Amino acid sequence: MKLLLHPKAKARYDQIVSDPPHALLLIAPAGSGKQFLLSHLALDITKGVMSRIVTIVPEEKKKSISIDQIRELKIQLKNKYKENRVVLIPDAQLLGIDAQHAILKILEEPRPSTVFLLGVTNKFDVIETIQSRTQIWTIPEPTEQQIYEFYAEVPRVDLSKAITIAGGRMGLLSALLAEDSENSLISAIETAKTILSESTFDRLTRIDVLAKKTLDTSLLLEALLLISKAAMEGAAKANTKTLYSWHKRLDCVMQAKMLLSQNVNPKLVLTQLFIKL
């Protein structure tokens, strides 16, 4: 699949390929397709040589990237390269705190011809000192016109429905069009739809399970945000009385996202939100 980027993002992308920074931190929301974007970027920087790309993801059956993996990376980086090589960490929010500090030490001692590409959904997903050692890149979403032109072969009705939910988040949009039921954000959207249709009591009974995993909580809040935005825009176009209630829900979800980013207990965040919804 080809990349679709906003013109400003494309200009920055080309600049990175021609003159790669020592380390880049891409900040993009869930469903934006940041993994796909970073993988393409890594290939372009290495001129398509896969052997010069080191991808760091959690080991099998693990949910986070361990400090041992970073220690192994440090050993790998001792080998010298004349051409650019890339260390790709598409989900840097999965770095454990010890692993983050280990990565920081590597970033503080730049290796010649080594480029780090990190991706997160929120800048607070990594420690501040990592942020200060990287170039931060936040990308604007493609325009609606770009999307319609890019998916010219897709029936307009189907594409419009997908855009209503996904907006310019290309990863989610592609998954919706492909009806990818295994996509984690699509699953979260289905859960969010159910939660919104439930009574307050039924919502609250879910919290113990939902709050056990901060990453799952974050994804659920992202799904609630997308649904609330789409519903609010639909209500505004139709000029219905539900506009105010959806606007209120959207404000509540945004507040919950902010609290979660500040490391407030997920159970408390969800409890407050589910009562207000």
C-alpha atoms as a PDB file:
ATOM      1  CA  MET A   1       0.000   0.000   0.000  1.00  0.00           C
ATOM      2  CA  LYS A   2       1.202   3.502  -0.820  1.00  0.00           C
ATOM      3  CA  LEU A   3       1.643   6.262   1.730  1.00  0.00           C
ATOM      4  CA  LEU A   4      -0.880   9.075   1.821  1.00  0.00           C
ATOM      5  CA  LEU A   5       0.473  12.154   3.532  1.00  0.00           C
ATOM      6  CA  HIS A   6      -0.655  15.735   3.930  1.00  0.00           C
ATOM      7  CA  PRO A   7       1.542  17.975   1.696  1.00  0.00           C
ATOM      8  CA  LYS A   8       3.289  19.449   4.754  1.00  0.00           C
ATOM      9  CA  ALA A   9       3.928  15.971   6.156  1.00  0.00           C
ATOM     10  CA  LYS A  10       5.252  14.804   2.769  1.00  0.00           C
ATOM     11  CA  ALA A  11       7.699  17.707   2.654  1.00  0.00           C
ATOM     12  CA  ARG A  12       8.986  16.843   6.142  1.00  0.00           C
ATOM     13  CA  TYR A  13       9.156  13.151   5.227  1.00  0.00           C
ATOM     14  CA  ASP A  14      11.348  13.871   2.199  1.00  0.00           C
ATOM     15  CA  GLN A  15      13.571  16.113   4.318  1.00  0.00           C
ATOM     16  CA  ILE A  16      14.065  13.322   6.880  1.00  0.00           C
ATOM     17  CA  VAL A  17      14.976  10.818   4.164  1.00  0.00           C
ATOM     18  CA  SER A  18      17.542  13.160   2.593  1.00  0.00           C
ATOM     19  CA  ASP A  19      19.055  14.239   5.924  1.00  0.00           C
ATOM     20  CA  PRO A  20      18.047  11.814   8.712  1.00  0.00           C
ATOM     21  CA  PRO A  21      18.234  13.095  12.299  1.00  0.00           C
ATOM     22  CA  HIS A  22      20.022  11.061  14.957  1.00  0.00           C
ATOM     23  CA  ALA A  23      16.654  10.275  16.552  1.00  0.00           C
ATOM     24  CA  LEU A  24      13.053  11.011  15.603  1.00  0.00           C
ATOM     25  CA  LEU A  25       9.980  10.765  17.824  1.00  0.00           C
ATOM     26  CA  LEU A  26       6.751  10.531  15.837  1.00  0.00           C
ATOM     27  CA  ILE A  27       3.702  11.493  17.889  1.00  0.00           C
ATOM     28  CA  ALA A  28       0.463  10.345  16.271  1.00  0.00           C
ATOM     29  CA  PRO A  29      -2.882   9.143  17.673  1.00  0.00           C
ATOM     30  CA  ALA A  30      -4.050   5.540  17.649  1.00  0.00           C
ATOM     31  CA  GLY A  31      -5.248   4.508  14.205  1.00  0.00           C
ATOM     32  CA  SER A  32      -3.082   7.063  12.384  1.00  0.00           C
ATOM     33  CA  GLY A  33      -0.956   4.377  10.741  1.00  0.00           C
ATOM     34  CA  LYS A  34       2.276   5.453  12.437  1.00  0.00           C
ATOM     35  CA  GLN A  35       3.750   1.932  12.296  1.00  0.00           C
ATOM     36  CA  PHE A  36       3.180   1.820   8.541  1.00  0.00           C
ATOM     37  CA  LEU A  37       4.626   5.305   8.126  1.00  0.00           C
ATOM     38  CA  LEU A  38       7.730   4.591  10.212  1.00  0.00           C
ATOM     39  CA  SER A  39       8.339   1.296   8.405  1.00  0.00           C
ATOM     40  CA  HIS A  40       8.226   3.093   5.047  1.00  0.00           C
ATOM     41  CA  LEU A  41      10.507   5.799   6.407  1.00  0.00           C
ATOM     42  CA  ALA A  42      13.015   3.205   7.629  1.00  0.00           C
ATOM     43  CA  LEU A  43      13.057   1.555   4.205  1.00  0.00           C
ATOM     44  CA  ASP A  44      13.603   4.855   2.429  1.00  0.00           C
ATOM     45  CA  ILE A  45      16.424   5.868   4.794  1.00  0.00           C
ATOM     46  CA  THR A  46      18.183   2.509   4.251  1.00  0.00           C
ATOM     47  CA  LYS A  47      17.382   2.552   0.515  1.00  0.00           C
ATOM     48  CA  GLY A  48      15.302  -0.591   0.861  1.00  0.00           C
ATOM     49  CA  VAL A  49      17.928  -2.736   2.597  1.00  0.00           C
ATOM     50  CA  MET A  50      15.949  -4.646   5.235  1.00  0.00           C
ATOM     51  CA  SER A  51      19.091  -6.045   6.863  1.00  0.00           C
ATOM     52  CA  ARG A  52      19.989  -2.531   8.016  1.00  0.00           C
ATOM     53  CA  ILE A  53      16.727  -2.136   9.964  1.00  0.00           C
ATOM     54  CA  VAL A  54      16.540  -3.353  13.568  1.00  0.00           C
ATOM     55  CA  THR A  55      12.925  -3.466  14.781  1.00  0.00           C
ATOM     56  CA  ILE A  56      12.295  -3.554  18.527  1.00  0.00           C
ATOM     57  CA  VAL A  57       8.923  -4.917  19.674  1.00  0.00           C
ATOM     58  CA  PRO A  58       7.906  -6.922  22.747  1.00  0.00           C
ATOM     59  CA  GLU A  59       9.117 -10.522  22.734  1.00  0.00           C
ATOM     60  CA  GLU A  60       6.571 -13.272  22.135  1.00  0.00           C
ATOM     61  CA  LYS A  61       3.917 -13.446  24.890  1.00  0.00           C
ATOM     62  CA  LYS A  62       5.316 -10.254  26.452  1.00  0.00           C
ATOM     63  CA  LYS A  63       3.451  -6.949  26.627  1.00  0.00           C
ATOM     64  CA  SER A  64       6.402  -4.628  27.061  1.00  0.00           C
ATOM     65  CA  ILE A  65       9.921  -4.151  25.725  1.00  0.00           C
ATOM     66  CA  SER A  66      12.437  -5.283  28.335  1.00  0.00           C
ATOM     67  CA  ILE A  67      15.763  -3.809  29.349  1.00  0.00           C
ATOM     68  CA  ASP A  68      17.425  -7.054  28.187  1.00  0.00           C
ATOM     69  CA  GLN A  69      16.281  -6.321  24.626  1.00  0.00           C
ATOM     70  CA  ILE A  70      17.893  -2.886  24.816  1.00  0.00           C
ATOM     71  CA  ARG A  71      21.108  -4.407  26.171  1.00  0.00           C
ATOM     72  CA  GLU A  72      21.159  -6.754  23.175  1.00  0.00           C
ATOM     73  CA  LEU A  73      20.572  -3.767  20.899  1.00  0.00           C
ATOM     74  CA  LYS A  74      23.549  -1.958  22.428  1.00  0.00           C
ATOM     75  CA  ILE A  75      25.767  -4.929  21.570  1.00  0.00           C
ATOM     76  CA  GLN A  76      24.425  -4.972  17.996  1.00  0.00           C
ATOM     77  CA  LEU A  77      25.180  -1.283  17.574  1.00  0.00           C
ATOM     78  CA  LYS A  78      28.874  -1.856  18.244  1.00  0.00           C
ATOM     79  CA  ASN A  79      29.167  -3.111  14.669  1.00  0.00           C
ATOM     80  CA  LYS A  80      30.068  -0.191  12.419  1.00  0.00           C
ATOM     81  CA  TYR A  81      28.229   0.632   9.193  1.00  0.00           C
ATOM     82  CA  LYS A  82      29.204   2.979   6.391  1.00  0.00           C
ATOM     83  CA  GLU A  83      25.592   3.274   5.205  1.00  0.00           C
ATOM     84  CA  ASN A  84      22.607   4.384   7.287  1.00  0.00           C
ATOM     85  CA  ARG A  85      21.001   1.816   9.547  1.00  0.00           C
ATOM     86  CA  VAL A  86      17.766   2.309  11.446  1.00  0.00           C
ATOM     87  CA  VAL A  87      16.594   1.262  14.890  1.00  0.00           C
ATOM     88  CA  LEU A  88      12.802   1.162  14.611  1.00  0.00           C
ATOM     89  CA  ILE A  89      10.645   1.190  17.754  1.00  0.00           C
ATOM     90  CA  PRO A  90       7.127   1.764  16.375  1.00  0.00           C
ATOM     91  CA  ASP A  91       5.448   1.507  19.789  1.00  0.00           C
ATOM     92  CA  ALA A  92       7.898   3.187  22.134  1.00  0.00           C
ATOM     93  CA  GLN A  93       5.153   3.471  24.759  1.00  0.00           C
ATOM     94  CA  LEU A  94       5.745  -0.260  25.334  1.00  0.00           C
ATOM     95  CA  LEU A  95       9.252   0.402  26.620  1.00  0.00           C
ATOM     96  CA  GLY A  96       9.422  -0.381  30.334  1.00  0.00           C
ATOM     97  CA  ILE A  97      10.855   2.398  32.494  1.00  0.00           C
ATOM     98  CA  ASP A  98      14.215   0.591  32.825  1.00  0.00           C
ATOM     99  CA  ALA A  99      14.271   0.058  29.059  1.00  0.00           C
ATOM    100  CA  GLN A 100      13.554   3.762  28.518  1.00  0.00           C
ATOM    101  CA  HIS A 101      16.532   4.754  30.643  1.00  0.00           C
ATOM    102  CA  ALA A 102      18.702   2.261  28.759  1.00  0.00           C
ATOM    103  CA  ILE A 103      17.572   3.721  25.416  1.00  0.00           C
ATOM    104  CA  LEU A 104      18.304   7.198  26.755  1.00  0.00           C
ATOM    105  CA  LYS A 105      21.921   6.241  27.459  1.00  0.00           C
ATOM    106  CA  ILE A 106      22.284   5.064  23.855  1.00  0.00           C
ATOM    107  CA  LEU A 107      20.716   8.269  22.536  1.00  0.00           C
ATOM    108  CA  GLU A 108      23.155  10.300  24.616  1.00  0.00           C
ATOM    109  CA  GLU A 109      26.050   8.674  22.738  1.00  0.00           C
ATOM    110  CA  PRO A 110      25.098   9.008  19.037  1.00  0.00           C
ATOM    111  CA  ARG A 111      26.426   6.272  16.754  1.00  0.00           C
ATOM    112  CA  PRO A 112      27.593   7.303  13.278  1.00  0.00           C
ATOM    113  CA  SER A 113      25.103   6.379  10.537  1.00  0.00           C
ATOM    114  CA  THR A 114      22.542   5.118  13.089  1.00  0.00           C
ATOM    115  CA  VAL A 115      19.036   6.584  13.042  1.00  0.00           C
ATOM    116  CA  PHE A 116      16.441   5.936  15.761  1.00  0.00           C
ATOM    117  CA  LEU A 117      12.773   6.069  14.741  1.00  0.00           C
ATOM    118  CA  LEU A 118      10.347   5.974  17.677  1.00  0.00           C
ATOM    119  CA  GLY A 119       6.565   6.181  17.588  1.00  0.00           C
ATOM    120  CA  VAL A 120       4.138   7.058  20.398  1.00  0.00           C
ATOM    121  CA  THR A 121       0.519   8.140  20.677  1.00  0.00           C
ATOM    122  CA  ASN A 122       1.300  10.806  23.279  1.00  0.00           C
ATOM    123  CA  LYS A 123       4.555  12.563  24.135  1.00  0.00           C
ATOM    124  CA  PHE A 124       4.055  11.597  27.774  1.00  0.00           C
ATOM    125  CA  ASP A 125       4.392   7.933  26.749  1.00  0.00           C
ATOM    126  CA  VAL A 126       8.164   8.343  27.106  1.00  0.00           C
ATOM    127  CA  ILE A 127      10.246  10.131  29.709  1.00  0.00           C
ATOM    128  CA  GLU A 128      11.000  13.796  29.160  1.00  0.00           C
ATOM    129  CA  THR A 129      14.721  13.211  28.689  1.00  0.00           C
ATOM    130  CA  ILE A 130      14.020  10.955  25.685  1.00  0.00           C
ATOM    131  CA  GLN A 131      11.845  13.706  24.226  1.00  0.00           C
ATOM    132  CA  SER A 132      14.703  16.179  24.601  1.00  0.00           C
ATOM    133  CA  ARG A 133      17.117  13.842  22.792  1.00  0.00           C
ATOM    134  CA  THR A 134      14.880  13.409  19.729  1.00  0.00           C
ATOM    135  CA  GLN A 135      13.375  15.524  17.002  1.00  0.00           C
ATOM    136  CA  ILE A 136       9.618  15.523  17.620  1.00  0.00           C
ATOM    137  CA  TRP A 137       7.363  15.116  14.595  1.00  0.00           C
ATOM    138  CA  THR A 138       3.605  15.580  14.761  1.00  0.00           C
ATOM    139  CA  ILE A 139       1.919  15.111  11.406  1.00  0.00           C
ATOM    140  CA  PRO A 140      -1.235  16.760  10.052  1.00  0.00           C
ATOM    141  CA  GLU A 141      -3.833  14.349   8.686  1.00  0.00           C
ATOM    142  CA  PRO A 142      -4.448  14.099   4.937  1.00  0.00           C
ATOM    143  CA  THR A 143      -7.266  16.313   3.673  1.00  0.00           C
ATOM    144  CA  GLU A 144     -10.646  14.817   2.873  1.00  0.00           C
ATOM    145  CA  GLN A 145     -10.108  15.598  -0.809  1.00  0.00           C
ATOM    146  CA  GLN A 146      -6.810  13.680  -0.743  1.00  0.00           C
ATOM    147  CA  ILE A 147      -8.550  10.695   0.831  1.00  0.00           C
ATOM    148  CA  TYR A 148     -11.346  10.607  -1.751  1.00  0.00           C
ATOM    149  CA  GLU A 149      -8.791  10.800  -4.557  1.00  0.00           C
ATOM    150  CA  PHE A 150      -6.589   8.129  -2.952  1.00  0.00           C
ATOM    151  CA  TYR A 151      -9.544   5.727  -2.570  1.00  0.00           C
ATOM    152  CA  ALA A 152     -11.176   6.623  -5.885  1.00  0.00           C
ATOM    153  CA  GLU A 153     -12.048   2.961  -6.561  1.00  0.00           C
ATOM    154  CA  VAL A 154     -13.936   2.533  -3.262  1.00  0.00           C
ATOM    155  CA  PRO A 155     -17.703   3.196  -3.439  1.00  0.00           C
ATOM    156  CA  ARG A 156     -18.238   6.734  -2.173  1.00  0.00           C
ATOM    157  CA  VAL A 157     -20.964   5.687   0.287  1.00  0.00           C
ATOM    158  CA  ASP A 158     -18.657   3.143   1.966  1.00  0.00           C
ATOM    159  CA  LEU A 159     -15.767   5.589   2.045  1.00  0.00           C
ATOM    160  CA  SER A 160     -17.924   8.364   3.525  1.00  0.00           C
ATOM    161  CA  LYS A 161     -19.053   6.060   6.348  1.00  0.00           C
ATOM    162  CA  ALA A 162     -15.453   5.137   7.136  1.00  0.00           C
ATOM    163  CA  ILE A 163     -14.334   8.771   7.076  1.00  0.00           C
ATOM    164  CA  THR A 164     -17.144   9.686   9.478  1.00  0.00           C
ATOM    165  CA  ILE A 165     -15.511   7.489  12.133  1.00  0.00           C
ATOM    166  CA  ALA A 166     -11.825   7.588  11.199  1.00  0.00           C
ATOM    167  CA  GLY A 167     -11.455  11.096   9.801  1.00  0.00           C
ATOM    168  CA  GLY A 168      -7.914  11.324   8.460  1.00  0.00           C
ATOM    169  CA  ARG A 169      -6.496   8.495  10.572  1.00  0.00           C
ATOM    170  CA  MET A 170      -5.241   6.385   7.704  1.00  0.00           C
ATOM    171  CA  GLY A 171      -4.553   3.213   9.673  1.00  0.00           C
ATOM    172  CA  LEU A 172      -8.070   3.053  11.060  1.00  0.00           C
ATOM    173  CA  LEU A 173      -9.603   4.122   7.758  1.00  0.00           C
ATOM    174  CA  SER A 174      -7.815   1.318   5.893  1.00  0.00           C
ATOM    175  CA  ALA A 175      -8.852  -1.218   8.535  1.00  0.00           C
ATOM    176  CA  LEU A 176     -12.499  -0.113   8.376  1.00  0.00           C
ATOM    177  CA  LEU A 177     -12.555  -0.400   4.587  1.00  0.00           C
ATOM    178  CA  ALA A 178     -10.929  -3.833   4.794  1.00  0.00           C
ATOM    179  CA  GLU A 179     -13.376  -4.857   7.554  1.00  0.00           C
ATOM    180  CA  ASP A 180     -10.436  -5.930   9.691  1.00  0.00           C
ATOM    181  CA  SER A 181     -12.108  -7.309  12.808  1.00  0.00           C
ATOM    182  CA  GLU A 182      -8.709  -8.014  14.404  1.00  0.00           C
ATOM    183  CA  ASN A 183      -7.712  -4.351  14.425  1.00  0.00           C
ATOM    184  CA  SER A 184      -7.398  -3.335  18.084  1.00  0.00           C
ATOM    185  CA  LEU A 185      -8.952   0.112  17.618  1.00  0.00           C
ATOM    186  CA  ILE A 186     -11.929  -1.299  15.701  1.00  0.00           C
ATOM    187  CA  SER A 187     -12.476  -3.763  18.557  1.00  0.00           C
ATOM    188  CA  ALA A 188     -12.278  -0.871  21.013  1.00  0.00           C
ATOM    189  CA  ILE A 189     -14.842   1.073  18.961  1.00  0.00           C
ATOM    190  CA  GLU A 190     -17.274  -1.852  19.144  1.00  0.00           C
ATOM    191  CA  THR A 191     -16.772  -2.024  22.912  1.00  0.00           C
ATOM    192  CA  ALA A 192     -17.252   1.732  23.188  1.00  0.00           C
ATOM    193  CA  LYS A 193     -20.527   1.555  21.247  1.00  0.00           C
ATOM    194  CA  THR A 194     -21.804  -1.067  23.699  1.00  0.00           C
ATOM    195  CA  ILE A 195     -20.717   0.998  26.702  1.00  0.00           C
ATOM    196  CA  LEU A 196     -22.507   4.088  25.394  1.00  0.00           C
ATOM    197  CA  SER A 197     -25.723   2.092  25.023  1.00  0.00           C
ATOM    198  CA  GLU A 198     -25.590   0.681  28.566  1.00  0.00           C
ATOM    199  CA  SER A 199     -26.944   2.006  31.823  1.00  0.00           C
ATOM    200  CA  THR A 200     -24.553   3.658  34.273  1.00  0.00           C
ATOM    201  CA  PHE A 201     -24.740   0.596  36.525  1.00  0.00           C
ATOM    202  CA  ASP A 202     -23.774  -1.782  33.703  1.00  0.00           C
ATOM    203  CA  ARG A 203     -20.899   0.465  32.674  1.00  0.00           C
ATOM    204  CA  LEU A 204     -19.532   0.560  36.202  1.00  0.00           C
ATOM    205  CA  THR A 205     -19.540  -3.245  36.439  1.00  0.00           C
ATOM    206  CA  ARG A 206     -17.011  -3.318  33.578  1.00  0.00           C
ATOM    207  CA  ILE A 207     -14.428  -1.099  35.238  1.00  0.00           C
ATOM    208  CA  ASP A 208     -12.446  -3.703  37.201  1.00  0.00           C
ATOM    209  CA  VAL A 209     -11.680  -5.599  34.006  1.00  0.00           C
ATOM    210  CA  LEU A 210     -11.095  -2.563  31.788  1.00  0.00           C
ATOM    211  CA  ALA A 211      -8.845  -0.716  34.234  1.00  0.00           C
ATOM    212  CA  LYS A 212      -6.349  -3.549  34.626  1.00  0.00           C
ATOM    213  CA  LYS A 213      -4.498  -2.517  31.467  1.00  0.00           C
ATOM    214  CA  THR A 214      -3.615   1.157  31.001  1.00  0.00           C
ATOM    215  CA  LEU A 215      -2.969   0.681  27.265  1.00  0.00           C
ATOM    216  CA  ASP A 216      -6.413  -0.895  26.778  1.00  0.00           C
ATOM    217  CA  THR A 217      -7.982   1.956  28.745  1.00  0.00           C
ATOM    218  CA  SER A 218      -6.196   4.465  26.517  1.00  0.00           C
ATOM    219  CA  LEU A 219      -7.461   2.719  23.389  1.00  0.00           C
ATOM    220  CA  LEU A 220     -11.023   2.649  24.745  1.00  0.00           C
ATOM    221  CA  LEU A 221     -10.886   6.396  25.439  1.00  0.00           C
ATOM    222  CA  GLU A 222      -9.618   6.963  21.892  1.00  0.00           C
ATOM    223  CA  ALA A 223     -12.578   4.949  20.568  1.00  0.00           C
ATOM    224  CA  LEU A 224     -15.042   6.942  22.690  1.00  0.00           C
ATOM    225  CA  LEU A 225     -13.448  10.136  21.404  1.00  0.00           C
ATOM    226  CA  LEU A 226     -13.891   9.099  17.754  1.00  0.00           C
ATOM    227  CA  ILE A 227     -17.511   8.049  18.270  1.00  0.00           C
ATOM    228  CA  SER A 228     -18.373  11.235  20.180  1.00  0.00           C
ATOM    229  CA  LYS A 229     -16.773  13.422  17.505  1.00  0.00           C
ATOM    230  CA  ALA A 230     -18.591  11.632  14.690  1.00  0.00           C
ATOM    231  CA  ALA A 231     -21.927  11.762  16.519  1.00  0.00           C
ATOM    232  CA  MET A 232     -21.505  15.440  17.401  1.00  0.00           C
ATOM    233  CA  GLU A 233     -20.676  16.361  13.799  1.00  0.00           C
ATOM    234  CA  GLY A 234     -23.669  14.342  12.592  1.00  0.00           C
ATOM    235  CA  ALA A 235     -25.949  16.064  15.096  1.00  0.00           C
ATOM    236  CA  ALA A 236     -24.616  19.482  14.038  1.00  0.00           C
ATOM    237  CA  LYS A 237     -25.316  18.770  10.358  1.00  0.00           C
ATOM    238  CA  ALA A 238     -28.808  17.470  11.121  1.00  0.00           C
ATOM    239  CA  ASN A 239     -29.404  20.265  13.644  1.00  0.00           C
ATOM    240  CA  THR A 240     -30.768  17.814  16.231  1.00  0.00           C
ATOM    241  CA  LYS A 241     -31.222  18.293  19.969  1.00  0.00           C
ATOM    242  CA  THR A 242     -28.566  15.639  20.702  1.00  0.00           C
ATOM    243  CA  LEU A 243     -25.762  18.044  19.759  1.00  0.00           C
ATOM    244  CA  TYR A 244     -25.366  19.360  23.312  1.00  0.00           C
ATOM    245  CA  SER A 245     -25.275  15.891  24.907  1.00  0.00           C
ATOM    246  CA  TRP A 246     -22.639  14.630  22.461  1.00  0.00           C
ATOM    247  CA  HIS A 247     -20.586  17.773  22.986  1.00  0.00           C
ATOM    248  CA  LYS A 248     -20.745  17.148  26.738  1.00  0.00           C
ATOM    249  CA  ARG A 249     -19.659  13.515  26.253  1.00  0.00           C
ATOM    250  CA  LEU A 250     -16.755  14.633  24.082  1.00  0.00           C
ATOM    251  CA  ASP A 251     -15.575  17.065  26.759  1.00  0.00           C
ATOM    252  CA  CYS A 252     -15.763  14.306  29.379  1.00  0.00           C
ATOM    253  CA  VAL A 253     -13.744  11.894  27.237  1.00  0.00           C
ATOM    254  CA  MET A 254     -11.080  14.515  26.509  1.00  0.00           C
ATOM    255  CA  GLN A 255     -10.793  15.242  30.212  1.00  0.00           C
ATOM    256  CA  ALA A 256     -10.432  11.508  30.919  1.00  0.00           C
ATOM    257  CA  LYS A 257      -7.665  11.227  28.310  1.00  0.00           C
ATOM    258  CA  MET A 258      -5.806  14.115  29.923  1.00  0.00           C
ATOM    259  CA  LEU A 259      -6.066  12.527  33.385  1.00  0.00           C
ATOM    260  CA  LEU A 260      -4.823   9.173  32.086  1.00  0.00           C
ATOM    261  CA  SER A 261      -1.835  10.878  30.408  1.00  0.00           C
ATOM    262  CA  GLN A 262      -1.012  12.351  33.824  1.00  0.00           C
ATOM    263  CA  ASN A 263      -0.867   8.821  35.287  1.00  0.00           C
ATOM    264  CA  VAL A 264      -4.082   9.122  37.272  1.00  0.00           C
ATOM    265  CA  ASN A 265      -5.332   5.673  38.296  1.00  0.00           C
ATOM    266  CA  PRO A 266      -7.225   4.141  35.309  1.00  0.00           C
ATOM    267  CA  LYS A 267      -9.976   2.811  37.583  1.00  0.00           C
ATOM    268  CA  LEU A 268     -10.643   6.298  38.951  1.00  0.00           C
ATOM    269  CA  VAL A 269     -10.547   7.808  35.447  1.00  0.00           C
ATOM    270  CA  LEU A 270     -13.073   5.302  34.085  1.00  0.00           C
ATOM    271  CA  THR A 271     -15.340   5.561  37.141  1.00  0.00           C
ATOM    272  CA  GLN A 272     -15.621   9.347  36.808  1.00  0.00           C
ATOM    273  CA  LEU A 273     -16.147   9.097  33.060  1.00  0.00           C
ATOM    274  CA  PHE A 274     -18.757   6.327  33.117  1.00  0.00           C
ATOM    275  CA  ILE A 275     -20.846   8.220  35.662  1.00  0.00           C
ATOM    276  CA  LYS A 276     -20.811  11.343  33.464  1.00  0.00           C
ATOM    277  CA  LEU A 277     -21.521   9.550  30.173  1.00  0.00           C
END
